[in-house]
Amino acid sequence: MSLRGGFIYVPPSQSGKKTTRRHLLTATVAFTCLPLTAAEPESTSLYNGKDLTGWVMKDGSPANATFWKSVDGVLTGENDPAKKGSMLYTKDNYLNFECEAEARWQGELDSGFMVRKPELQMQIGVSRGLKKDMTKSFYTGSYPEAGQVKEAAKLLKAGDWNQFQLVAQGDTVTVWINGTEASKFNDAKYAGAGPIGLQIHGGLAMKIGFRNLKIKALK
């Protein structure tokens, strides 16, 4: 027996059982040389469908049940009788990530998702200032032209569950509505890690529900 060209060579006189061993050894060597790949990060749930574990108010206090509740597997935000607004945040901060959620509402609405630090908002519903539907347009104190969704109504299902996907990578945040890319915003100012936030705006009677909130860390 000798080594030739990287394989174990067995002379013809040693055929049979030893030849079989040669084949097994060659296959084993080839198998162990295959490259190993890292497992893809898995999505984790941001809402357990039962209570508001993992969510806090802006000051870190427990979720205010006047505005935020878990109802039949839906994270529900609603104004109080005085039509005050409220914000709800995850306890954890996130930098580069993919976040998915479904939202449903009826009637007038001014809500949104918050990401990063400084805080960057993606609108859901009608802007109180512009008086038009700016769903999934980016808000930074105003609505920058580059981050506006021009035809959100064509992508939304009125009164039904709508799926939103947010991908934050580096200084760019991209948003999909029901599987269609709707807006993208690029600004190095909003590149710091921050919590995921949900909003109910003050000044009007509104109610919105969220479900299937998931997040996956990206490199």
Protein backbone atom coordinates (compact mmCIF):
# COMPACT_ATOMS: atom_id res chain seq x y z
CA MET A 1 0.00 0.00 0.00
CA SER A 2 1.34 3.51 -0.89
CA LEU A 3 0.19 7.13 -1.37
CA ARG A 4 -0.17 8.26 -5.00
CA GLY A 5 -1.69 11.61 -6.08
CA GLY A 6 -3.30 12.17 -2.70
CA PHE A 7 -5.12 8.78 -2.63
CA ILE A 8 -4.37 5.50 -0.91
CA TYR A 9 -3.11 3.02 -3.52
CA VAL A 10 -3.69 -0.70 -3.01
CA PRO A 11 -1.89 -3.07 -5.40
CA PRO A 12 -4.08 -5.46 -7.43
CA SER A 13 -3.00 -8.39 -5.27
CA GLN A 14 -4.67 -6.72 -2.29
CA SER A 15 -8.06 -6.27 -3.92
CA GLY A 16 -11.42 -7.18 -2.37
CA LYS A 17 -11.92 -6.13 1.24
CA LYS A 18 -8.93 -3.74 1.25
CA THR A 19 -10.15 -2.04 -1.96
CA THR A 20 -13.43 -1.33 -0.21
CA ARG A 21 -11.52 0.19 2.71
CA ARG A 22 -9.64 2.41 0.22
CA HIS A 23 -12.91 3.75 -1.15
CA LEU A 24 -14.27 4.42 2.32
CA LEU A 25 -11.10 6.21 3.38
CA THR A 26 -11.10 8.39 0.25
CA ALA A 27 -14.76 9.34 0.80
CA THR A 28 -14.08 10.16 4.43
CA VAL A 29 -11.15 12.44 3.57
CA ALA A 30 -13.20 14.21 0.88
CA PHE A 31 -16.13 14.71 3.26
CA THR A 32 -14.06 16.20 6.05
CA CYS A 33 -12.60 18.77 3.64
CA LEU A 34 -16.00 20.32 2.87
CA PRO A 35 -16.24 23.96 4.11
CA LEU A 36 -18.40 24.68 7.15
CA THR A 37 -20.97 27.48 6.89
CA ALA A 38 -22.34 29.52 9.80
CA ALA A 39 -26.01 29.07 10.62
CA GLU A 40 -28.33 31.88 9.57
CA PRO A 41 -29.67 33.97 12.48
CA GLU A 42 -33.22 33.05 13.41
CA SER A 43 -36.11 35.44 13.92
CA THR A 44 -37.28 35.97 17.48
CA SER A 45 -40.72 37.14 18.56
CA LEU A 46 -41.12 40.65 19.96
CA TYR A 47 -44.63 39.93 21.24
CA ASN A 48 -45.65 36.70 22.96
CA GLY A 49 -49.35 37.05 22.17
CA LYS A 50 -50.31 37.01 25.86
CA ASP A 51 -48.98 40.11 27.58
CA LEU A 52 -46.57 43.02 27.08
CA THR A 53 -43.45 41.33 28.44
CA GLY A 54 -40.41 42.95 26.83
CA TRP A 55 -42.17 46.29 26.20
CA VAL A 56 -41.88 49.51 28.21
CA MET A 57 -42.82 53.17 28.09
CA LYS A 58 -40.32 55.77 26.92
CA ASP A 59 -39.07 56.35 30.48
CA GLY A 60 -38.54 52.60 31.03
CA SER A 61 -41.64 52.13 33.18
CA PRO A 62 -44.02 49.19 32.56
CA ALA A 63 -46.42 49.42 29.61
CA ASN A 64 -49.35 51.71 30.42
CA ALA A 65 -52.52 49.60 30.25
CA THR A 66 -54.59 52.73 29.58
CA PHE A 67 -53.11 52.86 26.08
CA TRP A 68 -51.58 49.44 25.41
CA LYS A 69 -53.12 46.00 25.93
CA SER A 70 -52.82 42.41 24.77
CA VAL A 71 -56.24 41.40 23.41
CA ASP A 72 -56.85 37.97 21.85
CA GLY A 73 -53.27 37.66 20.62
CA VAL A 74 -53.11 41.23 19.32
CA LEU A 75 -50.95 44.02 20.75
CA THR A 76 -53.50 46.84 20.80
CA GLY A 77 -52.89 50.57 21.07
CA GLU A 78 -55.76 52.99 21.69
CA ASN A 79 -56.17 56.58 22.87
CA ASP A 80 -57.70 57.34 26.23
CA PRO A 81 -60.98 59.34 26.50
CA ALA A 82 -58.97 62.58 26.52
CA LYS A 83 -57.41 61.52 23.18
CA LYS A 84 -53.89 61.56 24.56
CA GLY A 85 -51.17 59.79 22.65
CA SER A 86 -48.58 57.25 23.80
CA MET A 87 -45.39 55.47 22.74
CA LEU A 88 -44.40 51.88 23.48
CA TYR A 89 -40.85 50.54 23.09
CA THR A 90 -38.97 47.27 23.23
CA LYS A 91 -36.65 46.94 26.22
CA ASP A 92 -33.81 45.94 23.91
CA ASN A 93 -31.96 48.08 21.37
CA TYR A 94 -31.29 46.96 17.80
CA LEU A 95 -28.81 48.17 15.18
CA ASN A 96 -28.86 46.11 11.99
CA PHE A 97 -32.00 44.01 11.75
CA GLU A 98 -34.96 42.74 9.78
CA CYS A 99 -38.30 43.34 11.49
CA GLU A 100 -41.69 42.02 10.41
CA ALA A 101 -45.14 42.89 11.73
CA GLU A 102 -48.77 42.89 10.71
CA ALA A 103 -51.04 45.83 11.54
CA ARG A 104 -54.76 46.45 11.21
CA TRP A 105 -56.84 49.56 11.80
CA GLN A 106 -60.08 51.19 10.75
CA GLY A 107 -60.94 54.83 10.26
CA GLU A 108 -58.61 57.73 10.84
CA LEU A 109 -55.17 56.82 12.12
CA ASP A 110 -51.86 58.49 12.90
CA SER A 111 -49.39 55.84 14.07
CA GLY A 112 -46.00 54.48 13.18
CA PHE A 113 -42.88 52.43 13.85
CA MET A 114 -39.81 53.95 15.47
CA VAL A 115 -36.25 52.69 14.98
CA ARG A 116 -32.66 53.74 15.66
CA LYS A 117 -31.11 56.64 17.56
CA PRO A 118 -31.72 59.46 16.89
CA GLU A 119 -35.28 58.23 16.46
CA LEU A 120 -36.49 57.64 12.92
CA GLN A 121 -40.21 57.13 12.31
CA MET A 122 -42.07 55.24 9.58
CA GLN A 123 -45.59 56.59 9.42
CA ILE A 124 -48.77 54.53 9.45
CA GLY A 125 -51.90 56.41 8.42
CA VAL A 126 -52.69 60.07 7.82
CA SER A 127 -50.17 62.77 8.69
CA ARG A 128 -51.77 65.32 11.04
CA GLY A 129 -49.79 68.08 9.37
CA LEU A 130 -50.10 67.12 5.69
CA LYS A 131 -53.65 65.72 6.00
CA LYS A 132 -52.89 62.80 3.69
CA ASP A 133 -51.97 59.14 3.99
CA MET A 134 -48.21 58.86 4.43
CA THR A 135 -48.07 55.18 5.42
CA LYS A 136 -44.49 53.94 5.50
CA SER A 137 -43.04 57.29 4.55
CA PHE A 138 -40.12 58.33 6.75
CA TYR A 139 -40.56 61.15 9.24
CA THR A 140 -37.64 63.14 10.67
CA GLY A 141 -39.55 66.23 11.82
CA SER A 142 -40.74 66.52 8.22
CA TYR A 143 -41.21 64.00 5.40
CA PRO A 144 -38.04 64.03 3.25
CA GLU A 145 -38.88 63.59 -0.40
CA ALA A 146 -36.46 60.68 -0.80
CA GLY A 147 -38.26 58.70 1.92
CA GLN A 148 -41.86 59.19 0.82
CA VAL A 149 -44.24 56.49 -0.44
CA LYS A 150 -46.11 57.98 -3.37
CA GLU A 151 -48.93 55.47 -3.75
CA ALA A 152 -49.38 53.77 -0.38
CA ALA A 153 -53.15 53.33 -0.91
CA LYS A 154 -52.49 50.96 -3.82
CA LEU A 155 -50.36 48.71 -1.59
CA LEU A 156 -52.61 48.66 1.48
CA LYS A 157 -55.63 46.45 2.23
CA ALA A 158 -58.19 48.72 3.87
CA GLY A 159 -59.59 47.37 7.14
CA ASP A 160 -57.53 44.17 6.85
CA TRP A 161 -54.17 42.96 8.14
CA ASN A 162 -51.25 44.56 6.31
CA GLN A 163 -47.75 43.12 6.49
CA PHE A 164 -44.82 45.46 7.00
CA GLN A 165 -41.16 44.56 6.73
CA LEU A 166 -38.36 46.87 7.86
CA VAL A 167 -34.70 46.24 7.11
CA ALA A 168 -32.13 48.48 8.81
CA GLN A 169 -28.60 47.98 7.54
CA GLY A 170 -25.87 50.53 8.15
CA ASP A 171 -27.25 53.99 7.37
CA THR A 172 -30.10 52.68 5.19
CA VAL A 173 -33.62 51.62 6.20
CA THR A 174 -35.90 49.94 3.65
CA VAL A 175 -39.62 49.27 4.02
CA TRP A 176 -41.94 46.79 2.29
CA ILE A 177 -45.76 46.87 2.33
CA ASN A 178 -47.42 43.51 1.70
CA GLY A 179 -44.33 42.19 -0.05
CA THR A 180 -43.67 45.25 -2.26
CA GLU A 181 -40.76 47.59 -1.60
CA ALA A 182 -42.34 50.93 -0.78
CA SER A 183 -39.65 53.28 0.51
CA LYS A 184 -35.96 53.57 1.34
CA PHE A 185 -34.17 56.20 3.38
CA ASN A 186 -30.45 56.77 3.67
CA ASP A 187 -28.93 59.09 6.27
CA ALA A 188 -25.82 58.47 8.38
CA LYS A 189 -27.35 60.57 11.17
CA TYR A 190 -29.77 57.71 12.01
CA ALA A 191 -27.20 54.94 12.37
CA GLY A 192 -27.25 54.33 16.13
CA ALA A 193 -28.83 51.34 17.87
CA GLY A 194 -32.24 51.99 19.39
CA PRO A 195 -35.43 50.22 20.47
CA ILE A 196 -38.35 49.36 18.21
CA GLY A 197 -41.20 51.74 19.01
CA LEU A 198 -44.94 51.84 18.33
CA GLN A 199 -47.03 55.01 18.37
CA ILE A 200 -50.58 56.16 18.87
CA HIS A 201 -50.82 59.87 18.13
CA GLY A 202 -52.72 62.28 20.35
CA GLY A 203 -55.56 64.48 19.23
CA LEU A 204 -57.87 61.92 17.69
CA ALA A 205 -59.74 58.77 18.66
CA MET A 206 -57.86 55.89 17.08
CA LYS A 207 -57.10 52.22 17.57
CA ILE A 208 -54.51 49.94 15.96
CA GLY A 209 -53.58 46.30 16.44
CA PHE A 210 -50.22 44.58 15.84
CA ARG A 211 -49.45 40.87 15.60
CA ASN A 212 -46.68 38.54 14.43
CA LEU A 213 -43.96 41.00 15.44
CA LYS A 214 -40.60 39.39 14.76
CA ILE A 215 -37.02 40.54 14.51
CA LYS A 216 -33.81 39.02 13.16
CA ALA A 217 -30.36 40.44 13.78
CA LEU A 218 -28.22 41.20 10.72
CA LYS A 219 -24.46 41.61 10.54
